[in-house]
Amino acid sequence: MSRRTATLLAGLALAAAALTACSSDPVAPAADDSGTQQITHAMGTTTIPLHPKKVVVLDTDKIDTAVSLGVTPIGAVQLPEADKPPAYLGDLSAMKDVGEISEPDLEAIAALQPDLILGSKFRQEKFYDELSAIAPTVFTDRVGITWKENFLLDGKALGQEQKAKDLLAGYETRAEELGAKIPNAAMLKVSIVRFMPAEIRVYGPEGFSGIVVGDVGLGRPDRQLLANKDDKRFDKVSPERIADLDGDVMFVTAQGPTAQGQQKKVTDGQLWKDLGAVKAGKAWDVDPETWMTGIGVTAANKILDDLQTHLAA
């Protein structure tokens, strides 16, 4: 980040919040009496208010994180084919639409006059400078495998660092306790399947839902360990290789009408009906908002709810 850009960001923070900047390190941002802190993140170091009140979020995990920590964003992006906020987080009707996840509406964001923008380098790197000219902007880096680190960083930025740590620890304890209630958990091969508008995915150990399943101590089909891939979040399966989706149990998602149409086309076919989990009545449809796009501690707990309902003794 250039000296000029850093100065501009600090000036915007001062003008918006009548606050002044302080120095910090990337592990534990320090606060001073002026009511600001410095957050080191995927795009640099940014001075932000200690307790931001008007937050715009540019990824689905940031919606979950903010609401989990008691902050209702004033604006959020939407996923393609989604026209409303995630239902599992309750009433978010007051939250304004600020474009799609890959193309945030900069004018709509500026009109809201936020004092903090939370986004993702993976999603919106090319917009970072323009967003930073609107308000202090903090970006996490990757998605999926880093969801816990992202949750804690965003929690710091929201002024809720300790609460974020407590919620994450509570989730991890619950996951471990649930694993102890599932007979032979490590031997149970759990398949995670997502129908997309133009493809079918199986989710590996480094996708969000895969990490949650791993935290419970459940096993995975060998095909879904993705041992030969650098990216172990997910892999694609062609309609001719439906057998690769099988497991002892299957959790299946499809978000939006196009994906749901793809799901129906496949599940009406004989290859799907021949899967062992399907024949055993152990292929369950689950909420894509929690299993796939929530990517936060509340969504993770919702996944634990599903695992407990279907698998716990």
C-alpha atoms as a PDB file:
ATOM      1  CA  MET A   1       0.000   0.000   0.000  1.00  0.00           C
ATOM      2  CA  SER A   2       1.444   3.409  -0.928  1.00  0.00           C
ATOM      3  CA  ARG A   3       1.999   6.233   1.546  1.00  0.00           C
ATOM      4  CA  ARG A   4      -0.574   8.317  -0.317  1.00  0.00           C
ATOM      5  CA  THR A   5      -3.224   5.588  -0.095  1.00  0.00           C
ATOM      6  CA  ALA A   6      -2.550   4.977   3.593  1.00  0.00           C
ATOM      7  CA  THR A   7      -2.881   8.698   4.259  1.00  0.00           C
ATOM      8  CA  LEU A   8      -6.154   8.848   2.348  1.00  0.00           C
ATOM      9  CA  LEU A   9      -7.572   5.907   4.287  1.00  0.00           C
ATOM     10  CA  ALA A  10      -6.614   7.465   7.600  1.00  0.00           C
ATOM     11  CA  GLY A  11      -8.154  10.764   6.515  1.00  0.00           C
ATOM     12  CA  LEU A  12     -11.402   9.087   5.522  1.00  0.00           C
ATOM     13  CA  ALA A  13     -11.545   7.307   8.854  1.00  0.00           C
ATOM     14  CA  LEU A  14     -10.987  10.579  10.688  1.00  0.00           C
ATOM     15  CA  ALA A  15     -13.624  12.435   8.698  1.00  0.00           C
ATOM     16  CA  ALA A  16     -16.198   9.693   9.085  1.00  0.00           C
ATOM     17  CA  ALA A  17     -15.696   8.937  12.740  1.00  0.00           C
ATOM     18  CA  ALA A  18     -13.742  11.891  14.174  1.00  0.00           C
ATOM     19  CA  LEU A  19     -11.094   9.399  15.251  1.00  0.00           C
ATOM     20  CA  THR A  20      -7.301   9.185  15.028  1.00  0.00           C
ATOM     21  CA  ALA A  21      -5.007   6.321  14.105  1.00  0.00           C
ATOM     22  CA  CYS A  22      -2.604   4.257  16.183  1.00  0.00           C
ATOM     23  CA  SER A  23      -0.011   1.584  15.452  1.00  0.00           C
ATOM     24  CA  SER A  24      -0.465  -2.149  15.925  1.00  0.00           C
ATOM     25  CA  ASP A  25       0.771  -5.602  15.018  1.00  0.00           C
ATOM     26  CA  PRO A  26      -1.065  -8.183  12.875  1.00  0.00           C
ATOM     27  CA  VAL A  27      -1.740 -10.596  15.741  1.00  0.00           C
ATOM     28  CA  ALA A  28      -3.368  -8.353  18.333  1.00  0.00           C
ATOM     29  CA  PRO A  29      -4.430  -4.921  17.037  1.00  0.00           C
ATOM     30  CA  ALA A  30      -3.909  -2.315  19.717  1.00  0.00           C
ATOM     31  CA  ALA A  31      -6.364   0.419  20.574  1.00  0.00           C
ATOM     32  CA  ASP A  32      -5.691   3.920  21.831  1.00  0.00           C
ATOM     33  CA  ASP A  33      -7.849   6.465  23.624  1.00  0.00           C
ATOM     34  CA  SER A  34      -8.906   8.068  20.350  1.00  0.00           C
ATOM     35  CA  GLY A  35     -11.123   5.078  19.513  1.00  0.00           C
ATOM     36  CA  THR A  36      -9.362   3.569  16.515  1.00  0.00           C
ATOM     37  CA  GLN A  37      -7.329   0.473  15.872  1.00  0.00           C
ATOM     38  CA  GLN A  38      -5.109  -0.750  13.063  1.00  0.00           C
ATOM     39  CA  ILE A  39      -5.933  -4.067  11.409  1.00  0.00           C
ATOM     40  CA  THR A  40      -3.340  -5.894   9.322  1.00  0.00           C
ATOM     41  CA  HIS A  41      -5.100  -7.950   6.666  1.00  0.00           C
ATOM     42  CA  ALA A  42      -4.738  -9.446   3.172  1.00  0.00           C
ATOM     43  CA  MET A  43      -4.274  -6.042   1.486  1.00  0.00           C
ATOM     44  CA  GLY A  44      -2.178  -4.191   4.068  1.00  0.00           C
ATOM     45  CA  THR A  45      -2.849  -2.301   7.291  1.00  0.00           C
ATOM     46  CA  THR A  46      -5.945  -0.164   7.748  1.00  0.00           C
ATOM     47  CA  THR A  47      -7.053   2.220  10.467  1.00  0.00           C
ATOM     48  CA  ILE A  48     -10.662   1.606  11.475  1.00  0.00           C
ATOM     49  CA  PRO A  49     -13.056   2.654  14.263  1.00  0.00           C
ATOM     50  CA  LEU A  50     -12.883   0.551  17.396  1.00  0.00           C
ATOM     51  CA  HIS A  51     -16.586  -0.213  17.261  1.00  0.00           C
ATOM     52  CA  PRO A  52     -17.893   0.396  13.733  1.00  0.00           C
ATOM     53  CA  LYS A  53     -21.625   1.058  13.536  1.00  0.00           C
ATOM     54  CA  LYS A  54     -22.288   1.125   9.771  1.00  0.00           C
ATOM     55  CA  VAL A  55     -20.797  -1.991   8.215  1.00  0.00           C
ATOM     56  CA  VAL A  56     -21.047  -3.153   4.600  1.00  0.00           C
ATOM     57  CA  VAL A  57     -20.114  -6.785   3.896  1.00  0.00           C
ATOM     58  CA  LEU A  58     -19.062  -8.199   0.533  1.00  0.00           C
ATOM     59  CA  ASP A  59     -19.079 -11.949   1.077  1.00  0.00           C
ATOM     60  CA  THR A  60     -21.492 -14.449   2.581  1.00  0.00           C
ATOM     61  CA  ASP A  61     -19.168 -15.394   5.431  1.00  0.00           C
ATOM     62  CA  LYS A  62     -19.087 -11.760   6.539  1.00  0.00           C
ATOM     63  CA  ILE A  63     -22.884 -11.708   6.838  1.00  0.00           C
ATOM     64  CA  ASP A  64     -22.743 -14.756   9.105  1.00  0.00           C
ATOM     65  CA  THR A  65     -19.858 -13.318  11.116  1.00  0.00           C
ATOM     66  CA  ALA A  66     -21.436  -9.922  11.661  1.00  0.00           C
ATOM     67  CA  VAL A  67     -24.817 -11.311  12.702  1.00  0.00           C
ATOM     68  CA  SER A  68     -23.175 -13.952  14.909  1.00  0.00           C
ATOM     69  CA  LEU A  69     -21.390 -11.131  16.725  1.00  0.00           C
ATOM     70  CA  GLY A  70     -24.511  -9.006  17.127  1.00  0.00           C
ATOM     71  CA  VAL A  71     -23.868  -6.572  14.264  1.00  0.00           C
ATOM     72  CA  THR A  72     -26.486  -6.177  11.517  1.00  0.00           C
ATOM     73  CA  PRO A  73     -24.784  -4.987   8.322  1.00  0.00           C
ATOM     74  CA  ILE A  74     -26.326  -1.957   6.648  1.00  0.00           C
ATOM     75  CA  GLY A  75     -25.513  -3.446   3.243  1.00  0.00           C
ATOM     76  CA  ALA A  76     -24.463  -6.761   1.722  1.00  0.00           C
ATOM     77  CA  VAL A  77     -23.847  -8.342  -1.662  1.00  0.00           C
ATOM     78  CA  GLN A  78     -26.023 -11.115  -3.047  1.00  0.00           C
ATOM     79  CA  LEU A  79     -25.191 -14.448  -4.640  1.00  0.00           C
ATOM     80  CA  PRO A  80     -26.281 -15.104  -8.237  1.00  0.00           C
ATOM     81  CA  GLU A  81     -29.917 -16.280  -8.337  1.00  0.00           C
ATOM     82  CA  ALA A  82     -30.407 -15.069  -4.769  1.00  0.00           C
ATOM     83  CA  ASP A  83     -32.778 -12.190  -4.135  1.00  0.00           C
ATOM     84  CA  LYS A  84     -32.877 -12.130  -0.354  1.00  0.00           C
ATOM     85  CA  PRO A  85     -30.523 -12.483   2.626  1.00  0.00           C
ATOM     86  CA  PRO A  86     -29.814 -15.933   4.109  1.00  0.00           C
ATOM     87  CA  ALA A  87     -32.928 -17.071   5.956  1.00  0.00           C
ATOM     88  CA  TYR A  88     -31.067 -18.975   8.694  1.00  0.00           C
ATOM     89  CA  LEU A  89     -29.772 -15.691  10.147  1.00  0.00           C
ATOM     90  CA  GLY A  90     -33.226 -14.292  10.863  1.00  0.00           C
ATOM     91  CA  ASP A  91     -34.792 -11.035   9.747  1.00  0.00           C
ATOM     92  CA  LEU A  92     -32.286  -9.012   7.715  1.00  0.00           C
ATOM     93  CA  SER A  93     -34.854  -7.086   5.683  1.00  0.00           C
ATOM     94  CA  ALA A  94     -33.265  -3.767   6.689  1.00  0.00           C
ATOM     95  CA  MET A  95     -29.972  -4.752   5.049  1.00  0.00           C
ATOM     96  CA  LYS A  96     -29.542  -3.053   1.666  1.00  0.00           C
ATOM     97  CA  ASP A  97     -28.520  -4.866  -1.518  1.00  0.00           C
ATOM     98  CA  VAL A  98     -25.127  -3.610  -2.780  1.00  0.00           C
ATOM     99  CA  GLY A  99     -24.676  -5.744  -5.878  1.00  0.00           C
ATOM    100  CA  GLU A 100     -23.471  -9.265  -6.556  1.00  0.00           C
ATOM    101  CA  ILE A 101     -20.577 -10.928  -4.811  1.00  0.00           C
ATOM    102  CA  SER A 102     -18.295 -10.655  -7.858  1.00  0.00           C
ATOM    103  CA  GLU A 103     -19.461  -7.148  -8.850  1.00  0.00           C
ATOM    104  CA  PRO A 104     -20.218  -4.952  -5.823  1.00  0.00           C
ATOM    105  CA  ASP A 105     -22.161  -1.779  -6.606  1.00  0.00           C
ATOM    106  CA  LEU A 106     -19.730   0.954  -5.576  1.00  0.00           C
ATOM    107  CA  GLU A 107     -22.300   3.744  -5.873  1.00  0.00           C
ATOM    108  CA  ALA A 108     -24.763   1.889  -3.656  1.00  0.00           C
ATOM    109  CA  ILE A 109     -22.032   1.264  -1.099  1.00  0.00           C
ATOM    110  CA  ALA A 110     -20.941   4.920  -1.084  1.00  0.00           C
ATOM    111  CA  ALA A 111     -24.551   6.055  -0.633  1.00  0.00           C
ATOM    112  CA  LEU A 112     -24.747   4.098   2.630  1.00  0.00           C
ATOM    113  CA  GLN A 113     -21.748   6.028   4.063  1.00  0.00           C
ATOM    114  CA  PRO A 114     -20.272   3.008   5.878  1.00  0.00           C
ATOM    115  CA  ASP A 115     -17.557   3.337   8.491  1.00  0.00           C
ATOM    116  CA  LEU A 116     -16.204  -0.152   7.675  1.00  0.00           C
ATOM    117  CA  ILE A 117     -16.264  -2.442   4.630  1.00  0.00           C
ATOM    118  CA  LEU A 118     -15.456  -6.138   5.026  1.00  0.00           C
ATOM    119  CA  GLY A 119     -14.539  -8.055   1.890  1.00  0.00           C
ATOM    120  CA  SER A 120     -12.365 -10.780   0.434  1.00  0.00           C
ATOM    121  CA  LYS A 121      -9.201 -10.603  -1.642  1.00  0.00           C
ATOM    122  CA  PHE A 122     -10.284 -13.840  -3.319  1.00  0.00           C
ATOM    123  CA  ARG A 123     -13.546 -12.219  -4.437  1.00  0.00           C
ATOM    124  CA  GLN A 124     -12.957  -8.489  -4.840  1.00  0.00           C
ATOM    125  CA  GLU A 125      -9.237  -7.704  -5.010  1.00  0.00           C
ATOM    126  CA  LYS A 126      -9.641  -5.498  -8.110  1.00  0.00           C
ATOM    127  CA  PHE A 127     -12.110  -3.241  -6.272  1.00  0.00           C
ATOM    128  CA  TYR A 128     -10.003  -2.697  -3.167  1.00  0.00           C
ATOM    129  CA  ASP A 129      -8.654   0.778  -3.948  1.00  0.00           C
ATOM    130  CA  GLU A 130     -12.078   2.101  -4.923  1.00  0.00           C
ATOM    131  CA  LEU A 131     -13.664   0.597  -1.827  1.00  0.00           C
ATOM    132  CA  SER A 132     -10.929   2.052   0.384  1.00  0.00           C
ATOM    133  CA  ALA A 133     -11.699   5.496  -1.001  1.00  0.00           C
ATOM    134  CA  ILE A 134     -15.257   5.075   0.298  1.00  0.00           C
ATOM    135  CA  ALA A 135     -14.477   3.767   3.785  1.00  0.00           C
ATOM    136  CA  PRO A 136     -11.810   1.825   5.705  1.00  0.00           C
ATOM    137  CA  THR A 137     -11.750  -1.626   4.087  1.00  0.00           C
ATOM    138  CA  VAL A 138     -10.514  -4.910   5.538  1.00  0.00           C
ATOM    139  CA  PHE A 139     -10.049  -7.977   3.319  1.00  0.00           C
ATOM    140  CA  THR A 140      -9.526 -11.566   4.324  1.00  0.00           C
ATOM    141  CA  ASP A 141      -7.481 -13.659   1.905  1.00  0.00           C
ATOM    142  CA  ARG A 142      -8.863 -17.064   0.925  1.00  0.00           C
ATOM    143  CA  VAL A 143     -12.160 -18.854   1.562  1.00  0.00           C
ATOM    144  CA  GLY A 144     -13.003 -22.325   2.848  1.00  0.00           C
ATOM    145  CA  ILE A 145      -9.866 -23.628   4.493  1.00  0.00           C
ATOM    146  CA  THR A 146      -9.277 -20.328   6.343  1.00  0.00           C
ATOM    147  CA  TRP A 147     -12.856 -19.780   7.560  1.00  0.00           C
ATOM    148  CA  LYS A 148     -11.879 -19.845  11.235  1.00  0.00           C
ATOM    149  CA  GLU A 149      -9.009 -17.388  10.767  1.00  0.00           C
ATOM    150  CA  ASN A 150     -11.305 -15.167   8.693  1.00  0.00           C
ATOM    151  CA  PHE A 151     -13.940 -15.244  11.426  1.00  0.00           C
ATOM    152  CA  LEU A 152     -11.425 -14.124  14.050  1.00  0.00           C
ATOM    153  CA  LEU A 153      -9.964 -11.361  11.849  1.00  0.00           C
ATOM    154  CA  ASP A 154     -13.403  -9.999  10.990  1.00  0.00           C
ATOM    155  CA  GLY A 155     -14.325 -10.252  14.657  1.00  0.00           C
ATOM    156  CA  LYS A 156     -11.366  -8.006  15.519  1.00  0.00           C
ATOM    157  CA  ALA A 157     -12.385  -5.525  12.855  1.00  0.00           C
ATOM    158  CA  LEU A 158     -15.915  -5.431  14.278  1.00  0.00           C
ATOM    159  CA  GLY A 159     -14.594  -4.731  17.770  1.00  0.00           C
ATOM    160  CA  GLN A 160     -15.743  -8.160  18.978  1.00  0.00           C
ATOM    161  CA  GLU A 161     -12.455 -10.062  19.218  1.00  0.00           C
ATOM    162  CA  GLN A 162     -13.121 -11.885  22.487  1.00  0.00           C
ATOM    163  CA  LYS A 163     -16.687 -12.775  21.575  1.00  0.00           C
ATOM    164  CA  ALA A 164     -15.443 -14.238  18.288  1.00  0.00           C
ATOM    165  CA  LYS A 165     -12.884 -16.368  20.134  1.00  0.00           C
ATOM    166  CA  ASP A 166     -15.538 -17.573  22.579  1.00  0.00           C
ATOM    167  CA  LEU A 167     -18.025 -18.480  19.841  1.00  0.00           C
ATOM    168  CA  LEU A 168     -15.412 -20.385  17.866  1.00  0.00           C
ATOM    169  CA  ALA A 169     -14.243 -22.270  20.942  1.00  0.00           C
ATOM    170  CA  GLY A 170     -17.845 -23.141  21.781  1.00  0.00           C
ATOM    171  CA  TYR A 171     -18.418 -24.509  18.282  1.00  0.00           C
ATOM    172  CA  GLU A 172     -15.239 -26.626  18.394  1.00  0.00           C
ATOM    173  CA  THR A 173     -16.178 -28.079  21.769  1.00  0.00           C
ATOM    174  CA  ARG A 174     -19.651 -28.935  20.513  1.00  0.00           C
ATOM    175  CA  ALA A 175     -18.226 -30.587  17.372  1.00  0.00           C
ATOM    176  CA  GLU A 176     -15.918 -32.770  19.451  1.00  0.00           C
ATOM    177  CA  GLU A 177     -18.722 -33.758  21.822  1.00  0.00           C
ATOM    178  CA  LEU A 178     -21.009 -34.594  18.897  1.00  0.00           C
ATOM    179  CA  GLY A 179     -18.358 -36.850  17.373  1.00  0.00           C
ATOM    180  CA  ALA A 180     -18.318 -38.891  20.575  1.00  0.00           C
ATOM    181  CA  LYS A 181     -22.064 -39.520  20.182  1.00  0.00           C
ATOM    182  CA  ILE A 182     -21.837 -40.894  16.625  1.00  0.00           C
ATOM    183  CA  PRO A 183     -21.085 -44.627  16.528  1.00  0.00           C
ATOM    184  CA  ASN A 184     -17.790 -45.393  14.763  1.00  0.00           C
ATOM    185  CA  ALA A 185     -17.586 -41.788  13.546  1.00  0.00           C
ATOM    186  CA  ALA A 186     -14.148 -42.105  11.958  1.00  0.00           C
ATOM    187  CA  MET A 187     -15.251 -45.144   9.936  1.00  0.00           C
ATOM    188  CA  LEU A 188     -18.435 -43.515   8.605  1.00  0.00           C
ATOM    189  CA  LYS A 189     -17.853 -42.228   5.065  1.00  0.00           C
ATOM    190  CA  VAL A 190     -19.707 -38.919   4.710  1.00  0.00           C
ATOM    191  CA  SER A 191     -20.243 -37.620   1.167  1.00  0.00           C
ATOM    192  CA  ILE A 192     -20.909 -33.909   0.576  1.00  0.00           C
ATOM    193  CA  VAL A 193     -22.503 -33.134  -2.797  1.00  0.00           C
ATOM    194  CA  ARG A 194     -23.414 -29.799  -4.345  1.00  0.00           C
ATOM    195  CA  PHE A 195     -25.421 -29.359  -7.525  1.00  0.00           C
ATOM    196  CA  MET A 196     -24.436 -26.212  -9.409  1.00  0.00           C
ATOM    197  CA  PRO A 197     -26.187 -24.696 -12.449  1.00  0.00           C
ATOM    198  CA  ALA A 198     -23.666 -26.256 -14.852  1.00  0.00           C
ATOM    199  CA  GLU A 199     -21.763 -28.849 -12.810  1.00  0.00           C
ATOM    200  CA  ILE A 200     -21.786 -31.283  -9.919  1.00  0.00           C
ATOM    201  CA  ARG A 201     -19.273 -30.904  -7.096  1.00  0.00           C
ATOM    202  CA  VAL A 202     -18.041 -33.149  -4.311  1.00  0.00           C
ATOM    203  CA  TYR A 203     -16.589 -31.290  -1.353  1.00  0.00           C
ATOM    204  CA  GLY A 204     -13.274 -32.258   0.171  1.00  0.00           C
ATOM    205  CA  PRO A 205     -11.630 -31.844   3.571  1.00  0.00           C
ATOM    206  CA  GLU A 206     -10.704 -28.176   3.050  1.00  0.00           C
ATOM    207  CA  GLY A 207     -14.100 -26.844   2.027  1.00  0.00           C
ATOM    208  CA  PHE A 208     -16.171 -25.183   4.743  1.00  0.00           C
ATOM    209  CA  SER A 209     -18.573 -28.065   5.270  1.00  0.00           C
ATOM    210  CA  GLY A 210     -15.694 -30.526   4.901  1.00  0.00           C
ATOM    211  CA  ILE A 211     -13.861 -28.831   7.759  1.00  0.00           C
ATOM    212  CA  VAL A 212     -16.963 -29.010   9.952  1.00  0.00           C
ATOM    213  CA  VAL A 213     -17.391 -32.713   9.180  1.00  0.00           C
ATOM    214  CA  GLY A 214     -13.702 -33.192   9.986  1.00  0.00           C
ATOM    215  CA  ASP A 215     -14.033 -31.331  13.288  1.00  0.00           C
ATOM    216  CA  VAL A 216     -16.675 -33.885  14.278  1.00  0.00           C
ATOM    217  CA  GLY A 217     -14.207 -36.653  13.446  1.00  0.00           C
ATOM    218  CA  LEU A 218     -16.221 -38.240  10.642  1.00  0.00           C
ATOM    219  CA  GLY A 219     -14.636 -40.173   7.793  1.00  0.00           C
ATOM    220  CA  ARG A 220     -14.824 -39.322   4.090  1.00  0.00           C
ATOM    221  CA  PRO A 221     -14.987 -41.426   0.908  1.00  0.00           C
ATOM    222  CA  ASP A 222     -11.514 -41.822  -0.584  1.00  0.00           C
ATOM    223  CA  ARG A 223     -12.675 -40.028  -3.742  1.00  0.00           C
ATOM    224  CA  GLN A 224     -13.474 -36.931  -1.675  1.00  0.00           C
ATOM    225  CA  LEU A 225     -10.160 -36.685   0.154  1.00  0.00           C
ATOM    226  CA  LEU A 226      -8.787 -35.109  -3.047  1.00  0.00           C
ATOM    227  CA  ALA A 227      -5.333 -36.353  -2.111  1.00  0.00           C
ATOM    228  CA  ASN A 228      -3.898 -35.655  -5.571  1.00  0.00           C
ATOM    229  CA  LYS A 229      -5.210 -32.096  -5.817  1.00  0.00           C
ATOM    230  CA  ASP A 230      -3.623 -28.895  -4.575  1.00  0.00           C
ATOM    231  CA  ASP A 231      -7.082 -27.419  -3.984  1.00  0.00           C
ATOM    232  CA  LYS A 232      -8.879 -29.770  -1.612  1.00  0.00           C
ATOM    233  CA  ARG A 233     -12.004 -27.663  -1.249  1.00  0.00           C
ATOM    234  CA  PHE A 234     -13.976 -29.411  -3.982  1.00  0.00           C
ATOM    235  CA  ASP A 235     -13.781 -31.352  -7.224  1.00  0.00           C
ATOM    236  CA  LYS A 236     -16.125 -31.717 -10.193  1.00  0.00           C
ATOM    237  CA  VAL A 237     -17.915 -34.919 -11.149  1.00  0.00           C
ATOM    238  CA  SER A 238     -19.421 -35.536 -14.569  1.00  0.00           C
ATOM    239  CA  PRO A 239     -22.975 -36.917 -14.870  1.00  0.00           C
ATOM    240  CA  GLU A 240     -21.475 -40.170 -16.205  1.00  0.00           C
ATOM    241  CA  ARG A 241     -19.473 -40.642 -12.986  1.00  0.00           C
ATOM    242  CA  ILE A 242     -22.296 -40.354 -10.480  1.00  0.00           C
ATOM    243  CA  ALA A 243     -20.890 -43.358  -8.612  1.00  0.00           C
ATOM    244  CA  ASP A 244     -18.072 -41.087  -7.416  1.00  0.00           C
ATOM    245  CA  LEU A 245     -20.616 -39.233  -5.270  1.00  0.00           C
ATOM    246  CA  ASP A 246     -21.467 -42.238  -3.114  1.00  0.00           C
ATOM    247  CA  GLY A 247     -20.731 -42.668   0.573  1.00  0.00           C
ATOM    248  CA  ASP A 248     -22.190 -44.413   3.585  1.00  0.00           C
ATOM    249  CA  VAL A 249     -24.323 -41.292   3.945  1.00  0.00           C
ATOM    250  CA  MET A 250     -24.780 -38.287   1.658  1.00  0.00           C
ATOM    251  CA  PHE A 251     -25.605 -34.661   2.343  1.00  0.00           C
ATOM    252  CA  VAL A 252     -26.871 -32.967  -0.812  1.00  0.00           C
ATOM    253  CA  THR A 253     -27.395 -29.277  -1.666  1.00  0.00           C
ATOM    254  CA  ALA A 254     -28.614 -27.199  -4.596  1.00  0.00           C
ATOM    255  CA  GLN A 255     -29.044 -23.422  -4.411  1.00  0.00           C
ATOM    256  CA  GLY A 256     -31.299 -21.577  -6.816  1.00  0.00           C
ATOM    257  CA  PRO A 257     -33.764 -22.807  -9.456  1.00  0.00           C
ATOM    258  CA  THR A 258     -31.162 -23.670 -12.100  1.00  0.00           C
ATOM    259  CA  ALA A 259     -29.142 -25.826  -9.712  1.00  0.00           C
ATOM    260  CA  GLN A 260     -32.304 -27.438  -8.409  1.00  0.00           C
ATOM    261  CA  GLY A 261     -33.231 -28.320 -11.994  1.00  0.00           C
ATOM    262  CA  GLN A 262     -29.819 -29.926 -12.433  1.00  0.00           C
ATOM    263  CA  GLN A 263     -30.354 -31.895  -9.232  1.00  0.00           C
ATOM    264  CA  LYS A 264     -33.746 -33.210 -10.349  1.00  0.00           C
ATOM    265  CA  LYS A 265     -32.383 -34.283 -13.705  1.00  0.00           C
ATOM    266  CA  VAL A 266     -29.643 -36.328 -12.022  1.00  0.00           C
ATOM    267  CA  THR A 267     -31.640 -37.726  -9.110  1.00  0.00           C
ATOM    268  CA  ASP A 268     -34.391 -38.925 -11.444  1.00  0.00           C
ATOM    269  CA  GLY A 269     -31.821 -41.077 -13.255  1.00  0.00           C
ATOM    270  CA  GLN A 270     -30.942 -44.694 -12.580  1.00  0.00           C
ATOM    271  CA  LEU A 271     -27.258 -44.009 -11.832  1.00  0.00           C
ATOM    272  CA  TRP A 272     -28.307 -41.897  -8.843  1.00  0.00           C
ATOM    273  CA  LYS A 273     -30.870 -44.432  -7.692  1.00  0.00           C
ATOM    274  CA  ASP A 274     -28.185 -47.145  -7.737  1.00  0.00           C
ATOM    275  CA  LEU A 275     -25.983 -45.318  -5.196  1.00  0.00           C
ATOM    276  CA  GLY A 276     -25.589 -47.191  -1.932  1.00  0.00           C
ATOM    277  CA  ALA A 277     -26.543 -44.239   0.262  1.00  0.00           C
ATOM    278  CA  VAL A 278     -29.640 -43.570  -1.839  1.00  0.00           C
ATOM    279  CA  LYS A 279     -30.746 -47.216  -1.668  1.00  0.00           C
ATOM    280  CA  ALA A 280     -30.237 -47.182   2.103  1.00  0.00           C
ATOM    281  CA  GLY A 281     -32.331 -44.023   2.496  1.00  0.00           C
ATOM    282  CA  LYS A 282     -29.312 -42.137   3.781  1.00  0.00           C
ATOM    283  CA  ALA A 283     -29.057 -39.354   1.186  1.00  0.00           C
ATOM    284  CA  TRP A 284     -30.440 -36.174   2.711  1.00  0.00           C
ATOM    285  CA  ASP A 285     -31.121 -32.745   1.219  1.00  0.00           C
ATOM    286  CA  VAL A 286     -29.711 -29.992   3.429  1.00  0.00           C
ATOM    287  CA  ASP A 287     -29.727 -26.189   3.354  1.00  0.00           C
ATOM    288  CA  PRO A 288     -27.149 -24.796   0.880  1.00  0.00           C
ATOM    289  CA  GLU A 289     -27.083 -21.512   2.794  1.00  0.00           C
ATOM    290  CA  THR A 290     -25.593 -23.243   5.815  1.00  0.00           C
ATOM    291  CA  TRP A 291     -23.606 -26.082   4.229  1.00  0.00           C
ATOM    292  CA  MET A 292     -22.113 -24.120   1.327  1.00  0.00           C
ATOM    293  CA  THR A 293     -22.343 -20.355   1.539  1.00  0.00           C
ATOM    294  CA  GLY A 294     -22.682 -19.505   5.245  1.00  0.00           C
ATOM    295  CA  ILE A 295     -18.995 -20.140   5.991  1.00  0.00           C
ATOM    296  CA  GLY A 296     -19.273 -18.837   9.558  1.00  0.00           C
ATOM    297  CA  VAL A 297     -19.797 -20.014  13.101  1.00  0.00           C
ATOM    298  CA  THR A 298     -23.598 -19.866  13.018  1.00  0.00           C
ATOM    299  CA  ALA A 299     -23.705 -21.837   9.760  1.00  0.00           C
ATOM    300  CA  ALA A 300     -21.211 -24.323  11.222  1.00  0.00           C
ATOM    301  CA  ASN A 301     -23.487 -24.907  14.189  1.00  0.00           C
ATOM    302  CA  LYS A 302     -26.413 -25.440  11.800  1.00  0.00           C
ATOM    303  CA  ILE A 303     -24.372 -28.160  10.078  1.00  0.00           C
ATOM    304  CA  LEU A 304     -23.786 -29.740  13.476  1.00  0.00           C
ATOM    305  CA  ASP A 305     -27.562 -29.703  13.970  1.00  0.00           C
ATOM    306  CA  ASP A 306     -27.995 -31.701  10.760  1.00  0.00           C
ATOM    307  CA  LEU A 307     -25.250 -34.176  11.679  1.00  0.00           C
ATOM    308  CA  GLN A 308     -26.791 -34.686  15.086  1.00  0.00           C
ATOM    309  CA  THR A 309     -30.260 -35.236  13.623  1.00  0.00           C
ATOM    310  CA  HIS A 310     -29.146 -37.821  11.077  1.00  0.00           C
ATOM    311  CA  LEU A 311     -26.120 -39.510  12.637  1.00  0.00           C
ATOM    312  CA  ALA A 312     -26.027 -39.250  16.431  1.00  0.00           C
ATOM    313  CA  ALA A 313     -27.059 -42.286  18.476  1.00  0.00           C
END
